[in-house]
Protein backbone atom coordinates (compact mmCIF):
# COMPACT_ATOMS: atom_id res chain seq x y z
CA UNK A 1 -82.98 -31.20 -146.10
CA UNK A 2 -85.47 -30.38 -143.36
CA UNK A 3 -87.68 -27.88 -145.21
CA UNK A 4 -90.37 -28.71 -147.75
CA UNK A 5 -89.43 -28.83 -151.44
CA UNK A 6 -91.59 -28.73 -154.57
CA UNK A 7 -92.10 -32.49 -154.32
CA UNK A 8 -93.86 -31.98 -150.97
CA UNK A 9 -96.67 -29.74 -152.27
CA UNK A 10 -99.67 -30.11 -154.59
CA UNK A 11 -99.98 -26.90 -156.63
CA UNK A 12 -102.84 -28.07 -158.90
CA UNK A 13 -105.47 -25.33 -159.40
CA UNK A 14 -103.84 -23.19 -156.73
CA UNK A 15 -102.40 -19.69 -156.91
CA UNK A 16 -98.72 -20.13 -156.10
CA UNK A 17 -96.63 -17.13 -155.07
CA UNK A 18 -93.01 -17.55 -156.14
CA UNK A 19 -90.26 -15.28 -154.84
CA UNK A 20 -87.60 -15.24 -157.54
CA UNK A 21 -84.34 -13.32 -157.90
CA UNK A 22 -84.67 -11.20 -161.02
CA UNK A 23 -82.18 -8.59 -159.82
CA UNK A 24 -80.56 -8.62 -163.25
CA UNK A 25 -77.96 -6.19 -164.65
CA UNK A 26 -79.43 -3.56 -166.98
CA UNK A 27 -77.83 -1.16 -169.45
CA UNK A 28 -80.00 1.38 -171.27
CA UNK A 29 -83.05 -0.63 -170.26
CA UNK A 30 -81.68 -3.87 -171.71
CA UNK A 31 -80.79 -6.99 -169.72
CA UNK A 32 -77.06 -7.72 -170.13
CA UNK A 33 -77.12 -11.10 -168.37
CA UNK A 34 -80.29 -13.20 -168.03
CA UNK A 35 -78.71 -16.01 -165.95
CA UNK A 36 -80.93 -15.33 -162.95
CA UNK A 37 -84.10 -15.49 -165.03
CA UNK A 38 -83.02 -18.74 -166.68
CA UNK A 39 -82.19 -20.18 -163.25
CA UNK A 40 -85.84 -19.78 -162.21
CA UNK A 41 -87.27 -21.71 -165.19
CA UNK A 42 -87.07 -25.27 -163.75
CA UNK A 43 -89.27 -24.24 -160.81
CA UNK A 44 -91.71 -22.30 -163.00
CA UNK A 45 -92.02 -25.15 -165.51
CA UNK A 46 -92.64 -27.68 -162.73
CA UNK A 47 -95.44 -25.55 -161.29
CA UNK A 48 -96.98 -24.91 -164.71
CA UNK A 49 -96.85 -28.62 -165.55
CA UNK A 50 -98.67 -29.34 -162.30
CA UNK A 51 -101.54 -26.92 -162.91
CA UNK A 52 -100.53 -23.87 -160.88
CA UNK A 53 -101.36 -20.22 -161.50
CA UNK A 54 -98.11 -18.40 -160.71
CA UNK A 55 -97.62 -14.98 -159.12
CA UNK A 56 -93.99 -13.81 -159.33
CA UNK A 57 -92.33 -11.40 -156.90
CA UNK A 58 -88.83 -9.95 -157.20
CA UNK A 59 -86.85 -6.84 -156.39
CA UNK A 60 -84.54 -5.04 -158.81
CA UNK A 61 -81.78 -2.83 -157.41
CA UNK A 62 -82.07 -0.51 -154.43
CA UNK A 63 -85.04 1.85 -154.19
CA UNK A 64 -84.07 4.76 -151.95
CA UNK A 65 -85.90 7.77 -153.40
CA UNK A 66 -89.05 8.55 -155.36
CA UNK A 67 -87.06 9.09 -158.56
CA UNK A 68 -86.02 5.41 -158.45
CA UNK A 69 -89.70 4.62 -159.01
CA UNK A 70 -90.86 7.43 -161.29
CA UNK A 71 -87.90 7.07 -163.68
CA UNK A 72 -88.86 3.43 -164.42
CA UNK A 73 -85.13 2.59 -164.46
CA UNK A 74 -85.76 -0.10 -161.85
CA UNK A 75 -88.95 -1.47 -163.32
CA UNK A 76 -89.28 -5.20 -163.99
CA UNK A 77 -90.73 -4.45 -167.45
CA UNK A 78 -87.52 -5.68 -169.22
CA UNK A 79 -87.73 -8.89 -167.17
CA UNK A 80 -91.34 -9.32 -168.31
CA UNK A 81 -90.23 -9.10 -171.95
CA UNK A 82 -87.46 -11.64 -171.35
CA UNK A 83 -89.82 -14.05 -169.59
CA UNK A 84 -92.21 -13.89 -172.55
CA UNK A 85 -89.29 -14.69 -174.85
CA UNK A 86 -88.12 -17.62 -172.73
CA UNK A 87 -91.66 -19.01 -172.25
CA UNK A 88 -93.32 -18.40 -175.65
CA UNK A 89 -96.12 -20.92 -175.05
CA UNK A 90 -97.12 -19.46 -171.68
CA UNK A 91 -99.46 -16.53 -171.11
CA UNK A 92 -97.15 -14.26 -169.10
CA UNK A 93 -98.71 -11.07 -167.73
CA UNK A 94 -97.23 -8.01 -166.04
CA UNK A 95 -98.80 -5.78 -163.39
CA UNK A 96 -97.30 -2.29 -163.06
CA UNK A 97 -97.83 -2.40 -159.32
CA UNK A 98 -97.14 -4.88 -156.54
CA UNK A 99 -100.00 -3.85 -154.23
CA UNK A 100 -103.51 -2.47 -154.46
CA UNK A 101 -106.51 -2.83 -156.76
CA UNK A 102 -104.44 -3.35 -159.93
CA UNK A 103 -102.86 -6.41 -158.33
CA UNK A 104 -106.13 -7.66 -156.81
CA UNK A 105 -107.90 -7.55 -160.18
CA UNK A 106 -104.98 -9.16 -162.05
CA UNK A 107 -104.83 -11.99 -159.51
CA UNK A 108 -108.59 -12.63 -159.77
CA UNK A 109 -108.26 -13.03 -163.55
CA UNK A 110 -105.23 -15.34 -163.33
CA UNK A 111 -105.85 -18.88 -164.55
CA UNK A 112 -103.91 -22.14 -164.01
CA UNK A 113 -101.04 -22.34 -166.48
CA UNK A 114 -100.54 -18.55 -166.52
CA UNK A 115 -97.88 -16.36 -164.92
CA UNK A 116 -98.36 -12.90 -163.42
CA UNK A 117 -95.22 -10.86 -162.70
CA UNK A 118 -95.74 -8.03 -160.21
CA UNK A 119 -93.68 -4.84 -160.23
CA UNK A 120 -90.46 -4.40 -158.20
CA UNK A 121 -91.17 -5.32 -154.56
CA UNK A 122 -88.80 -2.60 -153.33
CA UNK A 123 -91.08 0.08 -154.76
CA UNK A 124 -92.70 -0.38 -151.34
CA UNK A 125 -89.56 0.99 -149.65
CA UNK A 126 -90.49 4.58 -150.57
CA UNK A 127 -93.96 6.11 -150.19
CA UNK A 128 -95.75 8.42 -152.62
CA UNK A 129 -94.32 11.49 -150.87
CA UNK A 130 -90.74 10.24 -151.19
CA UNK A 131 -90.35 9.15 -147.59
CA UNK A 132 -88.15 6.08 -147.07
CA UNK A 133 -90.32 3.47 -145.35
CA UNK A 134 -88.42 0.23 -146.13
CA UNK A 135 -91.65 -1.76 -145.85
CA UNK A 136 -90.26 -4.50 -148.07
CA UNK A 137 -86.63 -4.47 -146.94
CA UNK A 138 -87.46 -4.29 -143.22
CA UNK A 139 -90.21 -6.92 -143.45
CA UNK A 140 -93.34 -4.88 -142.71
CA UNK A 141 -95.81 -7.45 -141.41
CA UNK A 142 -98.88 -5.96 -143.11
CA UNK A 143 -97.11 -6.06 -146.48
CA UNK A 144 -96.08 -9.68 -145.96
CA UNK A 145 -99.67 -10.53 -145.00
CA UNK A 146 -101.03 -8.79 -148.10
CA UNK A 147 -98.76 -10.69 -150.47
CA UNK A 148 -99.52 -13.95 -148.65
CA UNK A 149 -103.25 -13.33 -149.16
CA UNK A 150 -102.81 -13.45 -152.93
CA UNK A 151 -102.23 -17.22 -153.02
CA UNK A 152 -102.49 -20.54 -151.24
CA UNK A 153 -98.87 -21.70 -151.56
CA UNK A 154 -95.55 -19.85 -151.29
CA UNK A 155 -92.40 -21.04 -153.03
CA UNK A 156 -89.15 -19.27 -152.19
CA UNK A 157 -86.66 -19.70 -155.00
CA UNK A 158 -84.60 -16.53 -154.52
CA UNK A 159 -81.36 -17.69 -152.95
CA UNK A 160 -79.73 -14.29 -153.53
CA UNK A 161 -82.02 -12.76 -150.87
CA UNK A 162 -82.37 -15.82 -148.61
CA UNK A 163 -80.09 -14.20 -146.00
CA UNK A 164 -82.38 -11.16 -145.74
CA UNK A 165 -85.59 -10.98 -143.71
CA UNK A 166 -87.87 -9.19 -146.19
CA UNK A 167 -91.64 -8.96 -146.52
CA UNK A 168 -91.48 -10.85 -149.84
CA UNK A 169 -89.79 -13.92 -148.38
CA UNK A 170 -89.95 -14.21 -144.58
CA UNK A 171 -93.10 -12.08 -144.37
CA UNK A 172 -95.04 -14.23 -146.83
CA UNK A 173 -93.79 -17.55 -145.42
CA UNK A 174 -94.95 -16.61 -141.91
CA UNK A 175 -98.45 -15.68 -143.11
CA UNK A 176 -99.39 -18.42 -145.57
CA UNK A 177 -100.83 -21.89 -145.13
CA UNK A 178 -98.24 -23.79 -147.15
CA UNK A 179 -94.65 -23.05 -148.19
CA UNK A 180 -91.61 -24.73 -149.71
CA UNK A 181 -88.33 -23.96 -151.47
CA UNK A 182 -87.90 -24.15 -155.24
CA UNK A 183 -85.37 -26.06 -157.30
CA UNK A 184 -82.80 -23.25 -157.31
CA UNK A 185 -82.58 -22.90 -153.53
CA UNK A 186 -82.62 -26.69 -153.20
CA UNK A 187 -79.69 -26.94 -155.61
CA UNK A 188 -77.80 -24.17 -153.80
CA UNK A 189 -78.18 -25.81 -150.40
CA UNK A 190 -77.24 -29.26 -151.69
CA UNK A 191 -74.03 -27.86 -153.18
CA UNK A 192 -73.11 -25.70 -150.20
CA UNK A 193 -73.65 -28.70 -147.94
CA UNK A 194 -70.80 -30.36 -149.80
CA UNK A 195 -68.58 -27.72 -148.18
CA UNK A 196 -70.05 -27.59 -144.66
CA UNK A 197 -71.40 -31.12 -144.15
CA UNK A 198 -68.60 -33.70 -144.17
CA UNK A 199 -66.74 -32.46 -147.27
CA UNK A 200 -64.34 -34.77 -149.05
CA UNK A 201 -60.81 -34.09 -147.80
CA UNK A 202 -58.47 -32.35 -148.33
CA UNK A 203 -60.50 -29.11 -148.25
CA UNK A 204 -58.97 -25.84 -149.44
CA UNK A 205 -60.69 -22.45 -149.24
CA UNK A 206 -59.60 -19.43 -151.26
CA UNK A 207 -60.78 -16.13 -149.79
CA UNK A 208 -60.23 -12.78 -151.48
CA UNK A 209 -61.91 -9.41 -151.57
CA UNK A 210 -61.02 -6.19 -149.83
CA UNK A 211 -62.17 -6.46 -146.20
CA UNK A 212 -61.33 -8.87 -143.39
CA UNK A 213 -64.48 -7.65 -141.58
CA UNK A 214 -66.63 -9.01 -144.43
CA UNK A 215 -65.06 -12.47 -144.15
CA UNK A 216 -64.23 -12.67 -140.43
CA UNK A 217 -66.95 -15.17 -139.52
CA UNK A 218 -66.31 -17.37 -142.53
CA UNK A 219 -62.56 -17.50 -141.81
CA UNK A 220 -63.28 -18.67 -138.27
CA UNK A 221 -65.77 -21.29 -139.44
CA UNK A 222 -63.59 -22.55 -142.28
CA UNK A 223 -60.66 -22.99 -139.90
CA UNK A 224 -62.74 -25.83 -138.41
CA UNK A 225 -63.28 -27.70 -141.68
CA UNK A 226 -60.59 -26.60 -144.15
CA UNK A 227 -57.08 -28.02 -144.38
CA UNK A 228 -55.78 -24.79 -145.91
CA UNK A 229 -57.17 -21.25 -146.31
CA UNK A 230 -55.49 -19.21 -149.05
CA UNK A 231 -56.03 -15.51 -148.41
CA UNK A 232 -55.59 -12.99 -151.21
CA UNK A 233 -57.03 -9.67 -152.39
CA UNK A 234 -57.03 -6.60 -150.19
CA UNK A 235 -57.75 -8.62 -147.05
CA UNK A 236 -54.32 -10.27 -147.36
CA UNK A 237 -52.75 -6.82 -146.86
CA UNK A 238 -54.37 -6.54 -143.44
CA UNK A 239 -53.04 -9.95 -142.37
CA UNK A 240 -49.54 -9.15 -143.63
CA UNK A 241 -49.61 -5.79 -141.83
CA UNK A 242 -50.61 -7.71 -138.69
CA UNK A 243 -47.44 -9.77 -139.18
CA UNK A 244 -45.36 -6.58 -139.21
CA UNK A 245 -44.88 -5.96 -142.93
CA UNK A 246 -45.20 -2.49 -144.44
CA UNK A 247 -47.15 -2.53 -147.72
CA UNK A 248 -46.87 1.17 -148.54
CA UNK A 249 -50.11 2.67 -149.85
CA UNK A 250 -51.87 -0.69 -150.17
CA UNK A 251 -55.43 -1.03 -148.91
CA UNK A 252 -55.29 -2.06 -145.24
CA UNK A 253 -58.26 -2.33 -142.90
CA UNK A 254 -56.52 -0.78 -139.88
CA UNK A 255 -59.45 -1.44 -137.53
CA UNK A 256 -59.03 -5.17 -138.14
CA UNK A 257 -55.26 -5.49 -137.61
CA UNK A 258 -55.60 -6.67 -133.99
CA UNK A 259 -58.29 -9.15 -135.03
CA UNK A 260 -56.03 -10.45 -137.80
CA UNK A 261 -53.26 -10.92 -135.21
CA UNK A 262 -55.64 -12.94 -133.03
CA UNK A 263 -56.69 -15.16 -135.96
CA UNK A 264 -53.08 -15.81 -136.93
CA UNK A 265 -52.18 -16.59 -133.32
CA UNK A 266 -55.08 -19.05 -133.04
CA UNK A 267 -54.04 -20.82 -136.26
CA UNK A 268 -51.90 -23.43 -134.49
CA UNK A 269 -51.90 -25.79 -137.46
CA UNK A 270 -50.76 -23.05 -139.89
CA UNK A 271 -53.75 -23.47 -142.17
CA UNK A 272 -53.70 -19.84 -143.31
CA UNK A 273 -51.52 -19.18 -146.36
CA UNK A 274 -50.71 -15.58 -147.32
CA UNK A 275 -49.19 -14.10 -150.50
CA UNK A 276 -45.41 -13.83 -150.75
CA UNK A 277 -45.32 -11.32 -153.61
CA UNK A 278 -47.49 -8.76 -155.36
CA UNK A 279 -47.95 -6.79 -158.54
CA UNK A 280 -48.12 -3.12 -157.58
CA UNK A 281 -48.78 0.31 -159.03
CA UNK A 282 -48.35 3.92 -157.95
CA UNK A 283 -51.85 4.89 -159.08
CA UNK A 284 -55.23 3.20 -158.85
CA UNK A 285 -56.05 3.49 -162.54
CA UNK A 286 -56.79 1.13 -165.41
CA UNK A 287 -54.46 2.52 -168.07
CA UNK A 288 -52.17 0.70 -170.54
CA UNK A 289 -49.23 2.93 -169.54
CA UNK A 290 -49.39 1.73 -165.93
CA UNK A 291 -47.07 -1.28 -165.86
CA UNK A 292 -47.13 -3.63 -162.85
CA UNK A 293 -44.22 -3.27 -160.41
CA UNK A 294 -43.21 -6.54 -158.74
CA UNK A 295 -42.54 -6.59 -155.02
CA UNK A 296 -41.89 -9.44 -152.61
CA UNK A 297 -42.91 -9.39 -148.96
CA UNK A 298 -40.16 -7.57 -147.09
CA UNK A 299 -39.27 -5.32 -150.05
CA UNK A 300 -39.73 -1.56 -150.03
CA UNK A 301 -43.37 -0.74 -150.91
CA UNK A 302 -43.00 3.04 -150.47
CA UNK A 303 -45.42 4.90 -152.77
CA UNK A 304 -46.90 1.64 -154.07
CA UNK A 305 -50.16 -0.20 -153.66
CA UNK A 306 -50.54 -3.96 -154.08
CA UNK A 307 -53.21 -4.65 -156.71
CA UNK A 308 -52.68 -8.35 -157.51
CA UNK A 309 -50.75 -11.38 -156.28
CA UNK A 310 -47.42 -12.15 -157.94
CA UNK A 311 -46.08 -15.20 -159.77
CA UNK A 312 -44.48 -16.79 -156.68
CA UNK A 313 -47.80 -16.58 -154.80
CA UNK A 314 -49.63 -18.18 -157.71
CA UNK A 315 -47.09 -21.02 -157.75
CA UNK A 316 -47.51 -21.47 -153.99
CA UNK A 317 -51.32 -21.45 -154.26
CA UNK A 318 -51.12 -24.07 -157.00
CA UNK A 319 -48.95 -26.23 -154.74
CA UNK A 320 -51.43 -25.86 -151.85
CA UNK A 321 -54.32 -26.80 -154.15
CA UNK A 322 -52.63 -29.88 -155.62
CA UNK A 323 -54.51 -32.94 -154.43
CA UNK A 324 -57.42 -30.97 -152.95
CA UNK A 325 -60.75 -32.77 -153.29
CA UNK A 326 -63.03 -29.92 -152.19
CA UNK A 327 -62.36 -26.26 -152.99
CA UNK A 328 -64.44 -23.21 -152.03
CA UNK A 329 -63.55 -19.84 -153.58
CA UNK A 330 -64.99 -16.45 -152.73
CA UNK A 331 -63.33 -13.17 -153.62
CA UNK A 332 -60.89 -12.22 -156.43
CA UNK A 333 -57.13 -12.24 -155.94
CA UNK A 334 -56.71 -8.67 -157.12
CA UNK A 335 -58.28 -5.78 -159.01
CA UNK A 336 -59.38 -8.03 -161.88
CA UNK A 337 -61.25 -5.14 -163.51
CA UNK A 338 -57.84 -3.62 -164.39
CA UNK A 339 -56.16 -5.22 -167.41
CA UNK A 340 -52.73 -5.51 -165.79
CA UNK A 341 -53.99 -6.87 -162.46
CA UNK A 342 -56.22 -9.81 -163.37
CA UNK A 343 -53.41 -12.34 -163.62
CA UNK A 344 -53.89 -13.81 -160.13
CA UNK A 345 -57.66 -14.19 -160.43
CA UNK A 346 -57.30 -15.72 -163.89
CA UNK A 347 -54.67 -18.15 -162.60
CA UNK A 348 -57.03 -19.29 -159.82
CA UNK A 349 -59.71 -19.91 -162.44
CA UNK A 350 -57.27 -21.96 -164.53
CA UNK A 351 -56.21 -24.04 -161.52
CA UNK A 352 -59.82 -24.70 -160.47
CA UNK A 353 -60.81 -25.58 -164.04
CA UNK A 354 -58.07 -28.21 -164.16
CA UNK A 355 -58.97 -29.56 -160.72
CA UNK A 356 -62.63 -29.82 -161.74
CA UNK A 357 -61.68 -31.73 -164.87
CA UNK A 358 -59.65 -34.13 -162.72
CA UNK A 359 -62.60 -34.87 -160.42
CA UNK A 360 -62.29 -32.35 -157.57
CA UNK A 361 -65.37 -30.52 -156.34
CA UNK A 362 -65.03 -26.76 -156.95
CA UNK A 363 -67.58 -24.23 -155.73
CA UNK A 364 -67.46 -20.49 -156.45
CA UNK A 365 -69.42 -18.61 -153.82
CA UNK A 366 -71.10 -16.04 -156.04
CA UNK A 367 -70.38 -12.30 -155.91
CA UNK A 368 -67.26 -10.77 -157.45
CA UNK A 369 -65.43 -14.09 -157.87
CA UNK A 370 -68.27 -15.51 -159.97
CA UNK A 371 -68.44 -12.32 -162.05
CA UNK A 372 -64.65 -12.37 -162.47
CA UNK A 373 -64.59 -15.97 -163.69
CA UNK A 374 -67.27 -15.35 -166.29
CA UNK A 375 -65.88 -11.95 -167.35
CA UNK A 376 -62.44 -13.49 -167.85
CA UNK A 377 -63.87 -15.93 -170.36
CA UNK A 378 -64.49 -19.02 -168.26
CA UNK A 379 -67.71 -21.02 -168.45
CA UNK A 380 -69.98 -22.26 -165.69
CA UNK A 381 -69.17 -25.80 -166.83
CA UNK A 382 -65.49 -25.20 -166.00
CA UNK A 383 -66.41 -25.46 -162.30
CA UNK A 384 -68.58 -27.83 -160.29
CA UNK A 385 -70.98 -25.12 -159.13
CA UNK A 386 -71.30 -21.33 -159.15
CA UNK A 387 -73.62 -19.97 -156.48
CA UNK A 388 -76.19 -17.34 -157.46
CA UNK A 389 -76.01 -15.66 -154.06
CA UNK A 390 -72.72 -14.26 -152.78
CA UNK A 391 -73.99 -12.97 -149.43
CA UNK A 392 -76.32 -15.90 -148.83
CA UNK A 393 -73.68 -18.51 -149.65
CA UNK A 394 -71.17 -16.84 -147.31
CA UNK A 395 -73.64 -16.67 -144.43
CA UNK A 396 -74.66 -20.30 -144.95
CA UNK A 397 -71.04 -21.43 -144.77
CA UNK A 398 -70.55 -19.18 -141.74
CA UNK A 399 -73.29 -21.23 -140.09
CA UNK A 400 -75.74 -18.34 -139.87
CA UNK A 401 -79.50 -18.62 -140.16
CA UNK A 402 -80.99 -17.82 -143.59
CA UNK A 403 -84.44 -16.33 -142.80
CA UNK A 404 -85.67 -17.00 -146.34
CA UNK A 405 -85.08 -20.72 -145.75
CA UNK A 406 -85.69 -21.20 -142.02
CA UNK A 407 -89.14 -19.58 -142.33
CA UNK A 408 -90.24 -22.30 -144.77
CA UNK A 409 -92.37 -25.14 -143.40
CA UNK A 410 -90.54 -28.23 -142.26
CA UNK A 411 -91.29 -31.60 -143.81
């Protein structure tokens, strides 16, 4: 790994700015899943053990209007409470701003061994009059400089935003004397490298989700390294339409049909595997009375929409995955949120769980597939690794630059 890690810095008696990903799910002001906060603890504990005073920065949700700020619904106050619970022996403080005199004074009072959490960085995307300025999201240089001035060392440990050039990652890294990545980003990159850097063969990728356009670059890149690419979810409909099949009212990205044809034509080694049957419905609703209607490719889909892969497809996918040593999965096989159409996604989880147990390396690339696996009752330990950043993990495997990483100092 070319960039500096925690082992390459000396944080003793220094103010260390840490960009974390505390974009946690909230319901009625309560955190429903604290996984992202827990994932930051190894880095925080290392810095505390080595005498640092820590300043934490994170966003929470999108901030697009003044009400997003004044309502406090996107405040990091619940995160502050959870941090205090998780670190009972540490003096954790919270500043209700992320810029200005409140921050300046809080930073001056911060001592080694203490943590100061600043308010939502995206509060800087809207000014006091309600104008959208996107100073954080669009990497305003003066904002990045200000945050950089608060400390002597910057640690980026927010992999979920590593693919974005924001003031709180790229902006700080470009304006501070010393920078490195934290344990979480280091772990993410080490695991993703097992897919893109000489993976153990055979390699099988499973790609789902709704849009081909979202996964176009990753399909092209994976065709270079994968032995098979199993395509499911809504994006499979577009590929099947490109092959001349009529899938009725199923979701099809019509603007990508020609592109899908080109990809299929370029796949000389027939690595791409598409579904052969589906579970369908007439309505897009999650109701017990809506029973799945089975259809095979070539059948009449009139008035129907494909919402999940069928049993024959699952059997074929299992056959393709048998013997695989490295498996990357991103995107559910169907509308797993609907009770009758989670069978395909659940089956993939079961297959990967068994493969993991038998010694294969299985990586879930964050996003909906990670949420699906956990919501369907599977544990993180059932797989080799679950990425915390869907977009960042995809872009890394696509071979794209991650500004939050490339801006960090090299060793």
